[in-house]
Protein backbone atom coordinates (compact mmCIF):
# COMPACT_ATOMS: atom_id res chain seq x y z
CA UNK A 1 -20.66 -99.98 -36.82
CA UNK A 2 -20.66 -97.73 -39.70
CA UNK A 3 -23.78 -95.99 -38.54
CA UNK A 4 -22.34 -95.48 -35.13
CA UNK A 5 -19.16 -94.11 -36.66
CA UNK A 6 -21.11 -91.83 -38.88
CA UNK A 7 -23.30 -90.62 -36.13
CA UNK A 8 -20.24 -89.86 -34.01
CA UNK A 9 -18.71 -87.97 -36.91
CA UNK A 10 -21.93 -86.07 -37.44
CA UNK A 11 -22.08 -85.19 -33.77
CA UNK A 12 -18.47 -83.98 -33.84
CA UNK A 13 -19.12 -81.93 -36.98
CA UNK A 14 -22.26 -80.46 -35.42
CA UNK A 15 -20.42 -79.61 -32.20
CA UNK A 16 -17.53 -78.05 -34.14
CA UNK A 17 -19.99 -76.10 -36.30
CA UNK A 18 -21.84 -74.96 -33.18
CA UNK A 19 -18.58 -73.82 -31.60
CA UNK A 20 -17.59 -72.02 -34.80
CA UNK A 21 -21.02 -70.38 -34.97
CA UNK A 22 -20.82 -69.29 -31.31
CA UNK A 23 -17.28 -67.91 -31.81
CA UNK A 24 -18.35 -66.14 -35.00
CA UNK A 25 -21.37 -64.63 -33.20
CA UNK A 26 -19.14 -63.49 -30.31
CA UNK A 27 -16.62 -61.98 -32.73
CA UNK A 28 -19.37 -60.17 -34.66
CA UNK A 29 -20.92 -58.94 -31.42
CA UNK A 30 -17.56 -57.67 -30.19
CA UNK A 31 -16.93 -55.97 -33.52
CA UNK A 32 -20.38 -54.33 -33.47
CA UNK A 33 -19.81 -53.15 -29.90
CA UNK A 34 -16.45 -51.62 -30.84
CA UNK A 35 -18.00 -49.87 -33.83
CA UNK A 36 -20.80 -48.55 -31.63
CA UNK A 37 -18.20 -47.18 -29.19
CA UNK A 38 -16.29 -45.56 -32.05
CA UNK A 39 -19.49 -43.88 -33.25
CA UNK A 40 -20.28 -42.75 -29.70
CA UNK A 41 -16.75 -41.37 -29.24
CA UNK A 42 -16.99 -39.53 -32.58
CA UNK A 43 -20.30 -38.03 -31.49
CA UNK A 44 -18.82 -36.90 -28.16
CA UNK A 45 -15.84 -35.34 -29.97
CA UNK A 46 -18.15 -33.54 -32.40
CA UNK A 47 -20.16 -32.04 -29.53
CA UNK A 48 -16.94 -31.07 -27.76
CA UNK A 49 -15.67 -29.38 -30.93
CA UNK A 50 -18.94 -27.44 -31.20
CA UNK A 51 -18.57 -26.28 -27.61
CA UNK A 52 -14.89 -25.34 -28.06
CA UNK A 53 -15.59 -21.90 -29.54
CA UNK A 54 -18.27 -21.20 -26.94
CA UNK A 55 -15.89 -22.09 -24.11
CA UNK A 56 -13.09 -20.04 -25.70
CA UNK A 57 -15.48 -17.08 -25.87
CA UNK A 58 -16.38 -17.50 -22.19
CA UNK A 59 -12.69 -17.68 -21.31
CA UNK A 60 -12.05 -14.48 -23.26
CA UNK A 61 -14.92 -12.76 -21.46
CA UNK A 62 -13.55 -13.93 -18.11
CA UNK A 63 -10.10 -12.61 -19.00
CA UNK A 64 -11.61 -9.27 -20.08
CA UNK A 65 -13.48 -9.01 -16.79
CA UNK A 66 -10.30 -9.81 -14.88
CA UNK A 67 -8.40 -7.16 -16.85
CA UNK A 68 -11.12 -4.58 -16.15
CA UNK A 69 -10.99 -5.55 -12.48
CA UNK A 70 -7.22 -5.09 -12.37
CA UNK A 71 -7.53 -1.70 -14.08
CA UNK A 72 -10.26 -0.57 -11.69
CA UNK A 73 -8.18 -1.72 -8.73
CA UNK A 74 -5.12 0.15 -10.03
CA UNK A 75 -7.23 3.28 -10.59
CA UNK A 76 -8.70 2.93 -7.13
CA UNK A 77 -5.26 2.58 -5.57
CA UNK A 78 -4.04 5.61 -7.53
CA UNK A 79 -7.07 7.62 -6.38
CA UNK A 80 -6.48 6.50 -2.78
CA UNK A 81 -2.85 7.60 -3.00
CA UNK A 82 -3.93 10.93 -4.50
CA UNK A 83 -6.54 11.37 -1.77
CA UNK A 84 -3.94 10.65 0.89
CA UNK A 85 -1.57 13.18 -0.67
CA UNK A 86 -4.35 15.79 -0.82
CA UNK A 87 -5.25 15.08 2.81
CA UNK A 88 -1.62 15.59 3.81
CA UNK A 89 -1.50 18.85 1.83
CA UNK A 90 -4.73 20.02 3.46
CA UNK A 91 -3.33 19.19 6.89
CA UNK A 92 -0.14 21.14 6.08
CA UNK A 93 -2.21 24.10 4.85
CA UNK A 94 -4.34 23.99 8.01
CA UNK A 95 -1.19 23.99 10.12
CA UNK A 96 0.23 26.91 8.14
CA UNK A 97 -3.08 28.78 8.40
CA UNK A 98 -3.22 28.15 12.14
CA UNK A 99 0.34 29.40 12.54
CA UNK A 100 -0.50 32.46 10.43
CA UNK A 101 -3.62 33.09 12.54
CA UNK A 102 -1.55 32.83 15.74
CA UNK A 103 1.02 35.27 14.38
CA UNK A 104 -1.71 37.67 13.23
CA UNK A 105 -3.43 37.52 16.63
CA UNK A 106 -0.10 38.27 18.29
CA UNK A 107 0.30 41.30 16.03
CA UNK A 108 -3.21 42.54 16.94
CA UNK A 109 -2.45 42.10 20.64
CA UNK A 110 0.86 43.87 20.28
CA UNK A 111 -0.85 46.72 18.43
CA UNK A 112 -3.45 46.94 21.19
CA UNK A 113 -0.69 47.04 23.83
CA UNK A 114 1.11 49.79 21.98
CA UNK A 115 -2.08 51.84 21.33
CA UNK A 116 -3.01 53.91 24.37
CA UNK A 117 -6.62 54.24 23.08
CA UNK A 118 -7.16 50.49 22.67
CA UNK A 119 -9.99 48.77 24.54
CA UNK A 120 -9.50 45.23 25.86
CA UNK A 121 -12.83 43.89 24.42
CA UNK A 122 -11.71 44.79 20.86
CA UNK A 123 -8.74 42.50 21.37
CA UNK A 124 -11.06 39.73 22.50
CA UNK A 125 -13.22 40.15 19.37
CA UNK A 126 -10.21 39.91 17.07
CA UNK A 127 -8.86 36.73 18.68
CA UNK A 128 -12.23 34.98 18.35
CA UNK A 129 -11.87 32.86 15.15
CA UNK A 130 -15.58 33.37 14.36
CA UNK A 131 -15.11 37.12 14.23
CA UNK A 132 -13.66 38.83 11.20
CA UNK A 133 -10.88 41.20 12.24
CA UNK A 134 -11.34 44.85 11.29
CA UNK A 135 -9.40 48.05 11.85
CA UNK A 136 -10.51 50.11 14.91
């Protein structure tokens, strides 16, 4: 009976030791896995820190380009407004010049009507915008 009791005790001790060894191995494995993940996370953070300045530089370049774009757009809009103003001035000058030409042609016609020696084809030449008026 003693041998059976001892063998049962030995079996229980062996089973308990086996369970303890399995639990210890699982705990060590879990600990090693966590440490590996910590090392991996540290490595990822280090690479991210190295890239931080590069990304900041790219962001600064992008902001510079955007600022240059805004300046160019503002200059373009200012030039467009100036061009529109100049076009309006040119149109006003053309209108004034046309009015002046009409008045001048009227004066030439009136002079021709008053002048008894005037010829009608001289009047036609003076009213032609391609012809340069001259004194008869």
